[in-house]
Amino acid sequence: MLHERISNDWLLDEAPSEPRTFRRALGSFPTGVTVITCRTNDGRMVGLTANSFSSVSLEPALVLWSLVCSSPSRQAFESSPHFAINVLSDQQTDICSRFARPAEDKFQGVPWREGLDGLPLIEGAVAQFECQREAVHPGGDHIILVGRVMRYRTSDRSPLLFCNGRLMSSIEAAPLSAAG
């Protein structure tokens, strides 16, 4: 039968009524880890750790990321015309942790350089995308920021991954060959 249930090994099978368990289910999807940065109108540098980064379009080159509405950095990112996405390497777990928590100066002791419009770019990243803010959309308890990529760079460093509530190296994720 086409609609016959194949597996009974689900831990949960329900509508998303409980945010904590819904978040845990979303966490089963491995993602890269980024630090998103911008500068405020008065020149202050702002940055935060995010794993909600995705490509949108190749032509034009567009990317997106989302930010919880209650974030203290929301105003900075909504008002800044530019932001940078720094894809962290598996050697940058300390930077991931630093930018995930509130701090007076998250950039202190972190190697960085200036990009377009003075954007802070984290040294040692796997990839960097310098973006012009294209749009901001509401998305439930988050806002979705779309950026037009103005410049990017990439390296052969190994990316930092996040899955099931923990950080890991892509080395831990062994390559598999596709059946076919």
C-alpha atoms as a PDB file:
ATOM      1  CA  MET A   1       0.000   0.000   0.000  1.00  0.00           C
ATOM      2  CA  LEU A   2       1.214   3.460  -0.873  1.00  0.00           C
ATOM      3  CA  HIS A   3       0.357   5.090   2.483  1.00  0.00           C
ATOM      4  CA  GLU A   4       1.328   2.188   4.708  1.00  0.00           C
ATOM      5  CA  ARG A   5       3.510   3.286   7.634  1.00  0.00           C
ATOM      6  CA  ILE A   6       7.015   1.990   7.055  1.00  0.00           C
ATOM      7  CA  SER A   7       8.627   2.709  10.424  1.00  0.00           C
ATOM      8  CA  ASN A   8       7.461   2.789  14.033  1.00  0.00           C
ATOM      9  CA  ASP A   9      10.753   4.017  15.473  1.00  0.00           C
ATOM     10  CA  TRP A  10       9.864   7.743  15.665  1.00  0.00           C
ATOM     11  CA  LEU A  11      10.593   9.377  19.033  1.00  0.00           C
ATOM     12  CA  LEU A  12       7.835  11.918  18.357  1.00  0.00           C
ATOM     13  CA  ASP A  13       5.090  12.157  15.764  1.00  0.00           C
ATOM     14  CA  GLU A  14       3.023  15.255  16.491  1.00  0.00           C
ATOM     15  CA  ALA A  15       2.048  18.779  15.467  1.00  0.00           C
ATOM     16  CA  PRO A  16       4.583  21.486  16.523  1.00  0.00           C
ATOM     17  CA  SER A  17       2.804  22.537  19.720  1.00  0.00           C
ATOM     18  CA  GLU A  18       5.804  22.335  22.057  1.00  0.00           C
ATOM     19  CA  PRO A  19       8.653  24.674  20.973  1.00  0.00           C
ATOM     20  CA  ARG A  20      11.344  22.743  22.871  1.00  0.00           C
ATOM     21  CA  THR A  21      10.658  19.414  21.156  1.00  0.00           C
ATOM     22  CA  PHE A  22      10.146  21.125  17.783  1.00  0.00           C
ATOM     23  CA  ARG A  23      13.557  22.778  18.200  1.00  0.00           C
ATOM     24  CA  ARG A  24      15.099  19.405  19.056  1.00  0.00           C
ATOM     25  CA  ALA A  25      13.633  17.910  15.856  1.00  0.00           C
ATOM     26  CA  LEU A  26      15.026  20.829  13.812  1.00  0.00           C
ATOM     27  CA  GLY A  27      18.395  20.242  15.471  1.00  0.00           C
ATOM     28  CA  SER A  28      18.660  16.846  13.812  1.00  0.00           C
ATOM     29  CA  PHE A  29      19.503  18.686  10.581  1.00  0.00           C
ATOM     30  CA  PRO A  30      23.275  19.391  10.577  1.00  0.00           C
ATOM     31  CA  THR A  31      24.218  22.963   9.745  1.00  0.00           C
ATOM     32  CA  GLY A  32      27.315  25.055   9.489  1.00  0.00           C
ATOM     33  CA  VAL A  33      27.977  27.696  12.128  1.00  0.00           C
ATOM     34  CA  THR A  34      28.368  31.373  11.304  1.00  0.00           C
ATOM     35  CA  VAL A  35      29.147  34.648  12.998  1.00  0.00           C
ATOM     36  CA  ILE A  36      27.091  37.432  11.441  1.00  0.00           C
ATOM     37  CA  THR A  37      28.571  40.923  11.819  1.00  0.00           C
ATOM     38  CA  CYS A  38      27.639  44.523  11.038  1.00  0.00           C
ATOM     39  CA  ARG A  39      28.468  48.082  12.044  1.00  0.00           C
ATOM     40  CA  THR A  40      25.963  50.452  13.565  1.00  0.00           C
ATOM     41  CA  ASN A  41      25.491  54.021  12.335  1.00  0.00           C
ATOM     42  CA  ASP A  42      27.847  55.221  15.084  1.00  0.00           C
ATOM     43  CA  GLY A  43      30.543  52.694  14.053  1.00  0.00           C
ATOM     44  CA  ARG A  44      30.024  50.137  16.825  1.00  0.00           C
ATOM     45  CA  MET A  45      30.741  46.535  15.747  1.00  0.00           C
ATOM     46  CA  VAL A  46      27.996  43.977  16.391  1.00  0.00           C
ATOM     47  CA  GLY A  47      28.214  40.211  15.973  1.00  0.00           C
ATOM     48  CA  LEU A  48      26.368  37.053  16.886  1.00  0.00           C
ATOM     49  CA  THR A  49      26.536  33.313  16.318  1.00  0.00           C
ATOM     50  CA  ALA A  50      23.873  31.870  14.004  1.00  0.00           C
ATOM     51  CA  ASN A  51      23.252  28.603  12.201  1.00  0.00           C
ATOM     52  CA  SER A  52      20.170  29.822  10.330  1.00  0.00           C
ATOM     53  CA  PHE A  53      22.078  30.722   7.163  1.00  0.00           C
ATOM     54  CA  SER A  54      21.052  29.603   3.672  1.00  0.00           C
ATOM     55  CA  SER A  55      21.489  30.429   0.022  1.00  0.00           C
ATOM     56  CA  VAL A  56      18.494  31.929  -1.802  1.00  0.00           C
ATOM     57  CA  SER A  57      19.557  32.635  -5.372  1.00  0.00           C
ATOM     58  CA  LEU A  58      22.580  32.404  -7.648  1.00  0.00           C
ATOM     59  CA  GLU A  59      21.472  35.211 -10.001  1.00  0.00           C
ATOM     60  CA  PRO A  60      21.387  37.579  -8.325  1.00  0.00           C
ATOM     61  CA  ALA A  61      23.578  36.201  -5.557  1.00  0.00           C
ATOM     62  CA  LEU A  62      21.290  36.251  -2.499  1.00  0.00           C
ATOM     63  CA  VAL A  63      21.588  34.663   0.946  1.00  0.00           C
ATOM     64  CA  LEU A  64      19.430  34.760   4.066  1.00  0.00           C
ATOM     65  CA  TRP A  65      19.653  34.261   7.794  1.00  0.00           C
ATOM     66  CA  SER A  66      17.183  34.657  10.616  1.00  0.00           C
ATOM     67  CA  LEU A  67      17.351  36.449  13.948  1.00  0.00           C
ATOM     68  CA  VAL A  68      15.060  35.992  16.944  1.00  0.00           C
ATOM     69  CA  CYS A  69      12.901  39.111  17.405  1.00  0.00           C
ATOM     70  CA  SER A  70      13.945  39.484  21.057  1.00  0.00           C
ATOM     71  CA  SER A  71      17.660  39.713  20.198  1.00  0.00           C
ATOM     72  CA  PRO A  72      19.412  42.786  21.630  1.00  0.00           C
ATOM     73  CA  SER A  73      21.201  43.024  18.248  1.00  0.00           C
ATOM     74  CA  ARG A  74      17.980  43.241  16.213  1.00  0.00           C
ATOM     75  CA  GLN A  75      17.996  47.033  15.836  1.00  0.00           C
ATOM     76  CA  ALA A  76      21.623  47.041  14.690  1.00  0.00           C
ATOM     77  CA  PHE A  77      21.019  44.472  11.941  1.00  0.00           C
ATOM     78  CA  GLU A  78      17.719  45.999  10.812  1.00  0.00           C
ATOM     79  CA  SER A  79      19.233  49.462  10.452  1.00  0.00           C
ATOM     80  CA  SER A  80      22.654  48.566   9.029  1.00  0.00           C
ATOM     81  CA  PRO A  81      22.726  48.607   5.219  1.00  0.00           C
ATOM     82  CA  HIS A  82      25.377  45.840   5.199  1.00  0.00           C
ATOM     83  CA  PHE A  83      26.205  42.655   7.064  1.00  0.00           C
ATOM     84  CA  ALA A  84      28.847  39.929   6.770  1.00  0.00           C
ATOM     85  CA  ILE A  85      28.424  36.196   7.181  1.00  0.00           C
ATOM     86  CA  ASN A  86      31.549  34.449   8.474  1.00  0.00           C
ATOM     87  CA  VAL A  87      31.328  30.645   8.135  1.00  0.00           C
ATOM     88  CA  LEU A  88      33.398  29.337  11.038  1.00  0.00           C
ATOM     89  CA  SER A  89      36.063  26.644  10.771  1.00  0.00           C
ATOM     90  CA  ASP A  90      36.266  23.687  13.122  1.00  0.00           C
ATOM     91  CA  GLN A  91      39.199  25.495  14.783  1.00  0.00           C
ATOM     92  CA  GLN A  92      36.926  28.373  15.864  1.00  0.00           C
ATOM     93  CA  THR A  93      34.741  26.844  18.584  1.00  0.00           C
ATOM     94  CA  ASP A  94      35.952  29.535  21.004  1.00  0.00           C
ATOM     95  CA  ILE A  95      34.755  32.267  18.608  1.00  0.00           C
ATOM     96  CA  CYS A  96      31.437  30.446  18.207  1.00  0.00           C
ATOM     97  CA  SER A  97      30.953  30.463  21.996  1.00  0.00           C
ATOM     98  CA  ARG A  98      32.108  34.058  22.432  1.00  0.00           C
ATOM     99  CA  PHE A  99      29.605  35.434  19.910  1.00  0.00           C
ATOM    100  CA  ALA A 100      26.767  33.218  21.214  1.00  0.00           C
ATOM    101  CA  ARG A 101      26.726  35.017  24.595  1.00  0.00           C
ATOM    102  CA  PRO A 102      26.169  38.641  25.570  1.00  0.00           C
ATOM    103  CA  ALA A 103      29.408  40.549  26.125  1.00  0.00           C
ATOM    104  CA  GLU A 104      30.528  44.167  26.159  1.00  0.00           C
ATOM    105  CA  ASP A 105      33.103  43.668  23.381  1.00  0.00           C
ATOM    106  CA  LYS A 106      32.775  40.320  21.615  1.00  0.00           C
ATOM    107  CA  PHE A 107      35.586  41.248  19.201  1.00  0.00           C
ATOM    108  CA  GLN A 108      38.246  41.695  21.909  1.00  0.00           C
ATOM    109  CA  GLY A 109      41.027  39.198  21.243  1.00  0.00           C
ATOM    110  CA  VAL A 110      39.387  37.904  18.035  1.00  0.00           C
ATOM    111  CA  PRO A 111      41.455  38.385  14.872  1.00  0.00           C
ATOM    112  CA  TRP A 112      39.425  40.326  12.320  1.00  0.00           C
ATOM    113  CA  ARG A 113      39.868  42.801   9.493  1.00  0.00           C
ATOM    114  CA  GLU A 114      37.670  45.374   7.794  1.00  0.00           C
ATOM    115  CA  GLY A 115      35.661  44.511   4.723  1.00  0.00           C
ATOM    116  CA  LEU A 116      33.249  46.545   2.617  1.00  0.00           C
ATOM    117  CA  ASP A 117      31.674  49.464   4.489  1.00  0.00           C
ATOM    118  CA  GLY A 118      33.917  48.656   7.475  1.00  0.00           C
ATOM    119  CA  LEU A 119      32.285  45.262   8.079  1.00  0.00           C
ATOM    120  CA  PRO A 120      34.172  43.141  10.615  1.00  0.00           C
ATOM    121  CA  LEU A 121      35.436  39.948   8.937  1.00  0.00           C
ATOM    122  CA  ILE A 122      36.589  37.123  11.226  1.00  0.00           C
ATOM    123  CA  GLU A 123      40.048  35.827  10.258  1.00  0.00           C
ATOM    124  CA  GLY A 124      40.392  32.063   9.798  1.00  0.00           C
ATOM    125  CA  ALA A 125      36.809  31.547   8.596  1.00  0.00           C
ATOM    126  CA  VAL A 126      35.979  28.910   5.990  1.00  0.00           C
ATOM    127  CA  ALA A 127      34.045  31.419   3.875  1.00  0.00           C
ATOM    128  CA  GLN A 128      32.893  35.028   4.110  1.00  0.00           C
ATOM    129  CA  PHE A 129      29.989  36.770   2.410  1.00  0.00           C
ATOM    130  CA  GLU A 130      29.829  40.564   2.462  1.00  0.00           C
ATOM    131  CA  CYS A 131      26.229  41.566   1.839  1.00  0.00           C
ATOM    132  CA  GLN A 132      24.061  44.565   1.198  1.00  0.00           C
ATOM    133  CA  ARG A 133      20.777  44.196   3.059  1.00  0.00           C
ATOM    134  CA  GLU A 134      18.162  43.489   0.405  1.00  0.00           C
ATOM    135  CA  ALA A 135      15.076  42.851   2.543  1.00  0.00           C
ATOM    136  CA  VAL A 136      13.836  42.102   6.053  1.00  0.00           C
ATOM    137  CA  HIS A 137      10.760  39.887   6.410  1.00  0.00           C
ATOM    138  CA  PRO A 138       8.744  38.843   9.458  1.00  0.00           C
ATOM    139  CA  GLY A 139       8.951  35.132  10.202  1.00  0.00           C
ATOM    140  CA  GLY A 140       7.013  34.223  13.353  1.00  0.00           C
ATOM    141  CA  ASP A 141       9.248  34.870  16.361  1.00  0.00           C
ATOM    142  CA  HIS A 142      12.167  35.698  14.020  1.00  0.00           C
ATOM    143  CA  ILE A 143      12.994  38.198  11.308  1.00  0.00           C
ATOM    144  CA  ILE A 144      14.485  36.954   8.047  1.00  0.00           C
ATOM    145  CA  LEU A 145      17.288  39.074   6.623  1.00  0.00           C
ATOM    146  CA  VAL A 146      18.041  38.713   2.927  1.00  0.00           C
ATOM    147  CA  GLY A 147      21.378  39.973   1.648  1.00  0.00           C
ATOM    148  CA  ARG A 148      22.755  40.588  -1.829  1.00  0.00           C
ATOM    149  CA  VAL A 149      26.296  39.220  -1.873  1.00  0.00           C
ATOM    150  CA  MET A 150      28.661  42.016  -2.919  1.00  0.00           C
ATOM    151  CA  ARG A 151      31.870  40.047  -2.345  1.00  0.00           C
ATOM    152  CA  TYR A 152      32.761  36.590  -1.045  1.00  0.00           C
ATOM    153  CA  ARG A 153      35.811  34.478  -0.370  1.00  0.00           C
ATOM    154  CA  THR A 154      36.278  30.812   0.410  1.00  0.00           C
ATOM    155  CA  SER A 155      39.049  28.522   1.652  1.00  0.00           C
ATOM    156  CA  ASP A 156      39.757  24.819   2.021  1.00  0.00           C
ATOM    157  CA  ARG A 157      39.458  24.908   5.831  1.00  0.00           C
ATOM    158  CA  SER A 158      37.181  22.362   7.499  1.00  0.00           C
ATOM    159  CA  PRO A 159      33.841  23.875   8.618  1.00  0.00           C
ATOM    160  CA  LEU A 160      32.400  23.804  12.129  1.00  0.00           C
ATOM    161  CA  LEU A 161      29.094  21.900  12.254  1.00  0.00           C
ATOM    162  CA  PHE A 162      26.162  21.931  14.674  1.00  0.00           C
ATOM    163  CA  CYS A 163      23.844  18.938  15.056  1.00  0.00           C
ATOM    164  CA  ASN A 164      21.737  17.483  17.865  1.00  0.00           C
ATOM    165  CA  GLY A 165      22.750  20.260  20.220  1.00  0.00           C
ATOM    166  CA  ARG A 166      26.492  19.906  19.843  1.00  0.00           C
ATOM    167  CA  LEU A 167      29.373  21.296  17.832  1.00  0.00           C
ATOM    168  CA  MET A 168      31.403  18.933  15.683  1.00  0.00           C
ATOM    169  CA  SER A 169      33.994  18.866  12.965  1.00  0.00           C
ATOM    170  CA  SER A 170      33.159  17.815   9.428  1.00  0.00           C
ATOM    171  CA  ILE A 171      35.961  15.269   9.884  1.00  0.00           C
ATOM    172  CA  GLU A 172      33.583  13.448  12.260  1.00  0.00           C
ATOM    173  CA  ALA A 173      31.035  13.222   9.443  1.00  0.00           C
ATOM    174  CA  ALA A 174      32.470  10.486   7.237  1.00  0.00           C
ATOM    175  CA  PRO A 175      31.733  10.789   3.517  1.00  0.00           C
ATOM    176  CA  LEU A 176      29.250   8.300   2.141  1.00  0.00           C
ATOM    177  CA  SER A 177      28.796   7.207  -1.429  1.00  0.00           C
ATOM    178  CA  ALA A 178      25.312   7.607  -2.867  1.00  0.00           C
ATOM    179  CA  ALA A 179      23.484   4.450  -3.829  1.00  0.00           C
ATOM    180  CA  GLY A 180      22.791   4.369  -7.462  1.00  0.00           C
END
